[in-house]
């Protein structure tokens, strides 16, 4: 049930259990691969765990799957600035 996974991911995120939230978002992506919000949340969970490269990879997947957007470009820019790139 996708609603269960969404709720679980939000609970983990609220409790700052980002690794568990990341797993839940990965499961959601497997269940509903055409929902861009799940990819953005997955990237955020990677960022919260200081996995900047994983977040950038997820943003790359979002670009490939859903196209470029101003929001996506800004988020990637922030991550790259954080790495002094």
N, C-alpha and C. Protein backbone atom coordinates (compact mmCIF):
# COMPACT_ATOMS: atom_id res chain seq x y z
N UNK A 1 0.85 -1.18 0.00
CA UNK A 1 0.00 0.00 0.00
C UNK A 1 0.89 1.24 0.00
N UNK A 2 0.76 2.05 -1.03
CA UNK A 2 1.63 3.22 -1.14
C UNK A 2 1.37 4.25 -0.05
N UNK A 3 0.15 4.33 0.41
CA UNK A 3 -0.17 5.31 1.46
C UNK A 3 0.53 4.95 2.78
N UNK A 4 0.65 3.68 3.04
CA UNK A 4 1.38 3.21 4.21
C UNK A 4 2.83 3.67 4.12
N UNK A 5 3.46 3.45 2.96
CA UNK A 5 4.86 3.81 2.79
C UNK A 5 5.07 5.32 2.88
N UNK A 6 4.13 6.08 2.32
CA UNK A 6 4.22 7.54 2.42
C UNK A 6 4.15 7.99 3.87
N UNK A 7 3.20 7.46 4.59
CA UNK A 7 3.02 7.84 5.99
C UNK A 7 4.25 7.44 6.82
N UNK A 8 4.74 6.24 6.57
CA UNK A 8 5.92 5.76 7.28
C UNK A 8 7.13 6.66 7.00
N UNK A 9 7.31 7.02 5.75
CA UNK A 9 8.43 7.90 5.39
C UNK A 9 8.32 9.24 6.09
N UNK A 10 7.12 9.80 6.14
CA UNK A 10 6.92 11.09 6.81
C UNK A 10 7.18 10.99 8.31
N UNK A 11 6.78 9.89 8.91
CA UNK A 11 7.03 9.69 10.34
C UNK A 11 8.54 9.61 10.61
N UNK A 12 9.23 8.81 9.80
CA UNK A 12 10.68 8.71 9.95
C UNK A 12 11.34 10.08 9.78
N UNK A 13 10.90 10.82 8.79
CA UNK A 13 11.48 12.14 8.54
C UNK A 13 11.22 13.07 9.73
N UNK A 14 10.02 13.05 10.24
CA UNK A 14 9.65 13.89 11.38
C UNK A 14 10.51 13.55 12.61
N UNK A 15 10.79 12.26 12.77
CA UNK A 15 11.60 11.81 13.92
C UNK A 15 13.09 11.87 13.63
N UNK A 16 13.45 12.42 12.48
CA UNK A 16 14.82 12.59 12.04
C UNK A 16 15.56 11.26 11.89
N UNK A 17 14.84 10.25 11.51
CA UNK A 17 15.41 8.94 11.19
C UNK A 17 15.57 8.88 9.68
N UNK A 18 16.55 9.64 9.19
CA UNK A 18 16.66 9.87 7.76
C UNK A 18 17.03 8.62 6.96
N UNK A 19 17.82 7.73 7.53
CA UNK A 19 18.18 6.49 6.83
C UNK A 19 16.94 5.64 6.61
N UNK A 20 16.09 5.55 7.62
CA UNK A 20 14.86 4.78 7.48
C UNK A 20 13.89 5.46 6.50
N UNK A 21 13.84 6.78 6.55
CA UNK A 21 13.00 7.52 5.61
C UNK A 21 13.50 7.31 4.18
N UNK A 22 14.81 7.29 4.02
CA UNK A 22 15.39 7.04 2.69
C UNK A 22 14.95 5.69 2.15
N UNK A 23 14.99 4.67 2.99
CA UNK A 23 14.55 3.34 2.56
C UNK A 23 13.09 3.34 2.16
N UNK A 24 12.28 4.07 2.91
CA UNK A 24 10.85 4.14 2.60
C UNK A 24 10.62 4.85 1.26
N UNK A 25 11.36 5.91 1.01
CA UNK A 25 11.21 6.61 -0.27
C UNK A 25 11.71 5.75 -1.43
N UNK A 26 12.73 4.96 -1.20
CA UNK A 26 13.19 4.04 -2.26
C UNK A 26 12.10 3.01 -2.57
N UNK A 27 11.44 2.53 -1.54
CA UNK A 27 10.34 1.59 -1.75
C UNK A 27 9.20 2.26 -2.52
N UNK A 28 8.89 3.50 -2.15
CA UNK A 28 7.84 4.25 -2.85
C UNK A 28 8.19 4.44 -4.33
N UNK A 29 9.44 4.74 -4.60
CA UNK A 29 9.86 4.91 -5.99
C UNK A 29 9.72 3.61 -6.76
N UNK A 30 10.02 2.50 -6.11
CA UNK A 30 9.84 1.20 -6.76
C UNK A 30 8.36 0.93 -7.06
N UNK A 31 7.50 1.36 -6.14
CA UNK A 31 6.06 1.13 -6.32
C UNK A 31 5.42 2.11 -7.30
N UNK A 32 5.87 3.37 -7.25
CA UNK A 32 5.30 4.43 -8.09
C UNK A 32 6.45 5.20 -8.74
N UNK A 33 7.01 4.68 -9.81
CA UNK A 33 8.21 5.30 -10.39
C UNK A 33 7.97 6.64 -11.08
N UNK A 34 6.75 7.02 -11.32
CA UNK A 34 6.47 8.28 -12.03
C UNK A 34 5.98 9.39 -11.12
N UNK A 35 6.31 9.33 -9.84
CA UNK A 35 5.93 10.38 -8.88
C UNK A 35 7.19 11.18 -8.52
N UNK A 36 7.35 12.37 -9.10
CA UNK A 36 8.58 13.13 -8.87
C UNK A 36 8.80 13.54 -7.42
N UNK A 37 7.74 13.73 -6.66
CA UNK A 37 7.89 14.14 -5.26
C UNK A 37 8.71 13.14 -4.46
N UNK A 38 8.55 11.87 -4.74
CA UNK A 38 9.29 10.84 -4.02
C UNK A 38 10.79 10.96 -4.29
N UNK A 39 11.15 11.31 -5.51
CA UNK A 39 12.56 11.48 -5.85
C UNK A 39 13.14 12.70 -5.13
N UNK A 40 12.38 13.79 -5.09
CA UNK A 40 12.85 14.98 -4.37
C UNK A 40 13.04 14.67 -2.88
N UNK A 41 12.11 13.93 -2.32
CA UNK A 41 12.23 13.57 -0.90
C UNK A 41 13.43 12.66 -0.67
N UNK A 42 13.66 11.74 -1.59
CA UNK A 42 14.82 10.86 -1.49
C UNK A 42 16.12 11.68 -1.51
N UNK A 43 16.19 12.65 -2.40
CA UNK A 43 17.37 13.52 -2.47
C UNK A 43 17.54 14.29 -1.16
N UNK A 44 16.45 14.76 -0.60
CA UNK A 44 16.52 15.49 0.67
C UNK A 44 17.04 14.59 1.79
N UNK A 45 16.58 13.35 1.82
CA UNK A 45 17.03 12.43 2.87
C UNK A 45 18.52 12.16 2.71
N UNK A 46 19.00 12.05 1.48
CA UNK A 46 20.44 11.88 1.25
C UNK A 46 21.20 13.10 1.74
N UNK A 47 20.68 14.27 1.43
CA UNK A 47 21.32 15.51 1.86
C UNK A 47 21.39 15.58 3.38
N UNK A 48 20.30 15.26 4.07
CA UNK A 48 20.27 15.32 5.53
C UNK A 48 21.28 14.38 6.17
N UNK A 49 21.66 13.34 5.44
CA UNK A 49 22.66 12.39 5.94
C UNK A 49 24.06 12.72 5.43
N UNK A 50 24.22 13.90 4.84
CA UNK A 50 25.49 14.34 4.26
C UNK A 50 25.97 13.43 3.13
N UNK A 51 25.05 12.85 2.42
CA UNK A 51 25.36 12.05 1.23
C UNK A 51 25.09 12.92 0.00
N UNK A 52 25.95 13.92 -0.16
CA UNK A 52 25.73 14.91 -1.21
C UNK A 52 25.80 14.26 -2.59
N UNK A 53 26.72 13.35 -2.79
CA UNK A 53 26.85 12.70 -4.10
C UNK A 53 25.58 11.90 -4.43
N UNK A 54 25.00 11.23 -3.45
CA UNK A 54 23.76 10.49 -3.68
C UNK A 54 22.61 11.44 -4.03
N UNK A 55 22.58 12.58 -3.36
CA UNK A 55 21.54 13.57 -3.66
C UNK A 55 21.70 14.08 -5.08
N UNK A 56 22.93 14.35 -5.49
CA UNK A 56 23.17 14.81 -6.86
C UNK A 56 22.79 13.75 -7.89
N UNK A 57 23.06 12.49 -7.59
CA UNK A 57 22.66 11.41 -8.49
C UNK A 57 21.14 11.35 -8.62
N UNK A 58 20.46 11.52 -7.50
CA UNK A 58 19.00 11.50 -7.53
C UNK A 58 18.47 12.67 -8.35
N UNK A 59 19.08 13.84 -8.20
CA UNK A 59 18.68 14.99 -9.02
C UNK A 59 18.92 14.71 -10.50
N UNK A 60 19.99 14.00 -10.82
CA UNK A 60 20.25 13.61 -12.21
C UNK A 60 19.16 12.70 -12.74
N UNK A 61 18.71 11.78 -11.92
CA UNK A 61 17.62 10.89 -12.31
C UNK A 61 16.34 11.69 -12.55
N UNK A 62 16.08 12.66 -11.67
CA UNK A 62 14.89 13.50 -11.83
C UNK A 62 14.96 14.24 -13.16
N UNK A 63 16.12 14.81 -13.48
CA UNK A 63 16.28 15.51 -14.76
C UNK A 63 16.03 14.59 -15.94
N UNK A 64 16.60 13.39 -15.89
CA UNK A 64 16.43 12.45 -17.00
C UNK A 64 14.98 12.00 -17.15
N UNK A 65 14.33 11.78 -16.03
CA UNK A 65 12.98 11.22 -16.05
C UNK A 65 11.89 12.26 -16.30
N UNK A 66 12.06 13.45 -15.70
CA UNK A 66 10.98 14.44 -15.72
C UNK A 66 11.35 15.76 -16.40
N UNK A 67 12.61 15.91 -16.77
CA UNK A 67 13.05 17.13 -17.43
C UNK A 67 13.63 18.13 -16.44
N UNK A 68 14.23 19.15 -17.00
CA UNK A 68 14.87 20.18 -16.18
C UNK A 68 13.83 21.16 -15.67
N UNK A 69 14.15 21.76 -14.52
CA UNK A 69 13.29 22.80 -13.97
C UNK A 69 14.16 23.78 -13.18
N UNK A 70 13.63 24.95 -12.98
CA UNK A 70 14.35 25.98 -12.23
C UNK A 70 14.61 25.52 -10.80
N UNK A 71 13.61 24.90 -10.18
CA UNK A 71 13.75 24.41 -8.80
C UNK A 71 14.87 23.37 -8.70
N UNK A 72 14.90 22.46 -9.64
CA UNK A 72 15.92 21.42 -9.65
C UNK A 72 17.31 22.02 -9.83
N UNK A 73 17.43 22.95 -10.74
CA UNK A 73 18.72 23.60 -10.98
C UNK A 73 19.20 24.32 -9.74
N UNK A 74 18.31 24.99 -9.06
CA UNK A 74 18.69 25.70 -7.83
C UNK A 74 19.14 24.74 -6.74
N UNK A 75 18.45 23.63 -6.60
CA UNK A 75 18.83 22.67 -5.57
C UNK A 75 20.18 22.04 -5.88
N UNK A 76 20.41 21.72 -7.14
CA UNK A 76 21.71 21.18 -7.52
C UNK A 76 22.81 22.22 -7.28
N UNK A 77 22.52 23.47 -7.61
CA UNK A 77 23.48 24.54 -7.40
C UNK A 77 23.85 24.65 -5.93
N UNK A 78 22.87 24.58 -5.05
CA UNK A 78 23.14 24.68 -3.61
C UNK A 78 24.04 23.54 -3.14
N UNK A 79 23.78 22.34 -3.63
CA UNK A 79 24.62 21.20 -3.25
C UNK A 79 26.05 21.38 -3.76
N UNK A 80 26.19 21.83 -4.99
CA UNK A 80 27.52 22.02 -5.55
C UNK A 80 28.28 23.14 -4.84
N UNK A 81 27.58 24.20 -4.47
CA UNK A 81 28.22 25.27 -3.71
C UNK A 81 28.70 24.77 -2.35
N UNK A 82 27.91 23.91 -1.77
CA UNK A 82 28.28 23.34 -0.47
C UNK A 82 29.57 22.53 -0.57
N UNK A 83 29.82 21.96 -1.74
CA UNK A 83 31.05 21.20 -1.96
C UNK A 83 32.16 22.05 -2.57
N UNK A 84 31.93 23.37 -2.64
CA UNK A 84 32.90 24.29 -3.22
C UNK A 84 33.23 23.96 -4.68
N UNK A 85 32.20 23.55 -5.42
CA UNK A 85 32.38 23.24 -6.86
C UNK A 85 31.70 24.29 -7.68
